[in-house]
Every structure is written in structure tokens, then in C-alpha cells.
Amino acid sequence: VKEKEKREAEEADKERYLADQQSRGNDFQRQRQNIQTPQMPLLNGNNSGFYFYNEQTVAQGKTQFQNKWGKRVNQDDWRRRNKAMPLASSTDNADGNLPDTPQLDANGNPIASTDSTDALQDSISSDPKSREYYLQQIPFSAEDLEASNVIIADGLYNMGMIYKDKLENKPLSVETFEELERRFPDNKYRMDYYFQSYLMGLRYKDKPLETRSRDRLVKAFPESDYATAVADPNYEYHIRMMDRVQDSIYEQAYNRYLKGDTSFVRRSYREFSRTYPLATLMPKFMFVEALTYVQSGNVASFKSALQTLVEKYPTADVTELASEMLKGVLRGRALVQGSLTGMKWDLRFGTDEFGEISDLDSARAFVNEPESPHRMVLLYPKGAVEANALLYAVAAYNFAHFEVKSFDLSTDEAGRFGMLIVSGFDNLQQVLEYYGMIYARDGYARKVDRAVIFFPISDANYETLLHGKSPSDYMAFFAEVYGRQA
């Protein structure tokens, strides 16, 4: 700190010296201008007028000021060289009160006031050059010591990860993790840096580091996914192939789920979780496996699978939907056995927290208005579909296939479901033609996630749907009224 202040002081002296030299040059130049330029009298056509109302006198005043002082920045204390030291306020003791008489002790010595003592102590404790500044940061109580240890442990782990990932310095990373292990043997990062050390052993062909880290991990956390992964003798091969094969395995299982082949999905999930326990698609795979118990009507297994998913992957994209489903099961809501692309629940929009609808909403009914404005609704469970990718696919298709006609895209939410709405159709016939186009060979409907449901609906019926109706209610109405036309 002192070295830094010394350098800053030297820089300030240098700048002050240069400013003095420049000021002297300006003074010499102004003297020459004063000799060469005659002093112009102040013109004031009206002596009784206010000075600043006359633009000509103001301009002359500015010229005289610049001739004498040069061009100055508009700031306080412009005539002072050192502006860092504050001047005594002219308003101090303006009320005429004399300063307080200091209190004296028995020997006649002044007694320092408590306020001044506290102020002095505060100034010392905030001065980084003082000993007290650093002493006050030393933790003495058990709570402060524990908080300090948490901060140090966090810093050591993050530093080790920076050495590993950013700087790719294996020795420093391993040394930092070992320091964390030595100082805090029971820290919360043990499982993570055991596994990270194991990965470094694989990457840099360091067999002792690989073996030591694997043994530590399996011994300390035998039930963890990390331990399951590293215990596999072919794990190195699997981790290199994971990104290539996990998508195809998941897609195959999902397609079989849509066909109701629950045994195949569960078998694939068990094999996938054993071979690739750390795969990024594991939460989605676990969610699909849980939905197979809906198809078979096994409420207890469905609830157990959802609880495991929510606890194990609290930040996964499908966890929000799984959590809402779990709440429904715990409230005693009945499962509808079967599958509506994996989401056939007793879904009803516009209900209150108890699943009830108002009398006004219950009286609503769908209307047959084929010539009224319509829209295409894409309904999907939140978390199971990448909403931005879906929006981009629809927008790109519309832009490429409709040069004159333009459609509006908007999003909406209804409980645990999201909706992408394509609006701008003049009637039912137009939206049905659009429906046929997007399901053609070059359309986007066959390429998006299977969890997305497409259905056309009029603007009026859409409002009715959101007030106490379900998609099943509307599908039944649509099939009865427009089934032959569609």
C-alpha cells in the first residue's frame, strides 16, 4: 500500500510540474497578447441594465478573463494548485456560537471527548497501513472462524478448478486440491475434486493420480454416481463416446415410450444410468422412465421416481415440471392412465389452487365460427422442450414460405405448460391449410420435439379454453363439429 501511494505521489508531482511549466508559458503568451492587444472598453448601452443581460459585455468579460487566467475548467477552487485539501467553510460558526470549552481533569489537562476517540479509532481501523486494520480481520469467535474456513475452502476449490480448466496446469491444480484436503479434511468439495483429479489422471496419462483419486472416491462416496462411473473399467471409453451416443439412445427410448413400450424404456434407462451416470441427458431420461409408470397406472412408483428426480437434479430443465406433477400426486389428484405424448393428465386451464373453476367459467362453451379469426397453438410441457429452438424453427419456416402473408408469434403459459401461438389466420380454412403444410415433408412439425401438440383454434374459443376448459374438451368439440372438414 505504501509503495502504491509513493508511486501515486510521484506521478502527482510530475503532473504538477508539467502544469506549472505550461502555466508559465501561458502567462508569457498572455503578456505578449496584452501588449499587442489594446484593452477594449466595456460597452454597455444601458448603464441601468443587468450585466448578464448584455451579450456583448459578457463576451468581453470572458475575453478579459482568458487573457489574464487562460482557459480554465469550470470547477470549484480553480485558483488553487492543491485542490485535495479542503478549505474551512465560511459558514462554520456562522451563528456566532463559540466552540465548546474542552473538559479538564483534576490536573488541568484536557480530556479527549468520546466522539473524537471513536473517530480516531475508526480512522485507524480503516487505514490499510495500520496494524489494527489487519488485526481486526482475524477471526476470534467460533462462528467467525467457521465462516472464514468456508471462504478459504471455496477459494481453494475454485482456484484448483481454474488451474485445471483455464490454465491447464495439472501440478498446480493437484497441489491446490491437496492443500484443500489437508486443511479441511471434511470439506463439501471432496467428491468433486476427487473426480476432477481422476479426470486429470486420465487426460495426462498419470496412472498414480488416476488410481489414487479413483480409490479415494470409491471409498469415501461408494453410492455416488461418480463412484459408479469410475468403477467401470471401460469408463474412459464411455466418457469419450458419451456425447456421441447419448442422443441416439435417448431418442430411441423416447420413441418407444410414445408407442407404449414401457419395458423397453425402463430397460434402456437402467443400462444408460449404469453406463453413463453423468450424462447431461440423465434428468430427461429419468423423467421419461417416470412417465412409464403413468402408462401402467403405478402411482407409487411414479411418485418415487419423481421424488428421486427432484432431489437429485434440482436445477435441471425438467425438474420444474416434475415438481408440479409431484405436487399433484401428493395432493391426491388422480392419474389418467395412458399417454398424450407423455403428458395426459387431467389438464384444465383457469383453475384455482384447489383445481376448481368458477360458476361463470363453467358456463362457457365453445362456439362454431369457422369464418372468424383463428390461430395455431403449439402446446408443450415446460422444461421438456427447448422453447427458443421451437420459436426459431417456426419463425424460420414462416419467413421462408410466406412472402406476402405475415403471422404473429407470441408465447403464453398455463400452469406447467407453455404455448407458442401462431396468429393471423382469417378463418378456419387458412389455419387448416397451414396445418397441412407444416406436416408435409419440408414442414417443421415432424422435426420438433414429439412432446409438442398442435391444434387450430379460433380466437374466441382460445379464450374459452383458458377459462376452465381442457385440451381434451376442445379436441372433442373440434372432432364433432369440424371432424369431416379437417
Foldseek 3Di string as FASTA:
>chain_A
DVVVVVVVVVVVVVVLVVVVVVQVVLLVVLVVCPVVPDQDDQDDPDPVDDQVVDPRNVVSVVVVCCSHRNDFDPDPPRVDSDPPDDDDDPCVCVVVDDDDDFDADPVRHGDDDPVVVVVVVVVQCPDPVHPNVVVVQDDDDPVSVVVVLVVVLVVLQVVLVCCCPVVVPLVVSVVSVVVSCVVPVPDPCLLVVLLVQLVNCVVVVPVVSNVVSLVVNCVVPVPDLSNLQSVDPCNVVLVVCVVVCVVVLQVVLLVVVLVLVLVVLVVSLVVCCNRCVPHPCNLVSLLSNLLSCLQVVNLVSNLVSLVCSCVVCVPAFCNVVSVVVNVCVVVPAGRDHDDPSSDPGPDAAAADPVRHADPVLVPDDADDDQQAWKKKKKKAFGSNFDVVVVVVQVVVVCVVPDPDQDWDWDKDDTVRMIIIMTTDHRGNVVVVVVVVVLPDPPHCPVPGDSRIDIDMDHPVVVVSRNRTHDPVNVVVVCCVPCVVVD
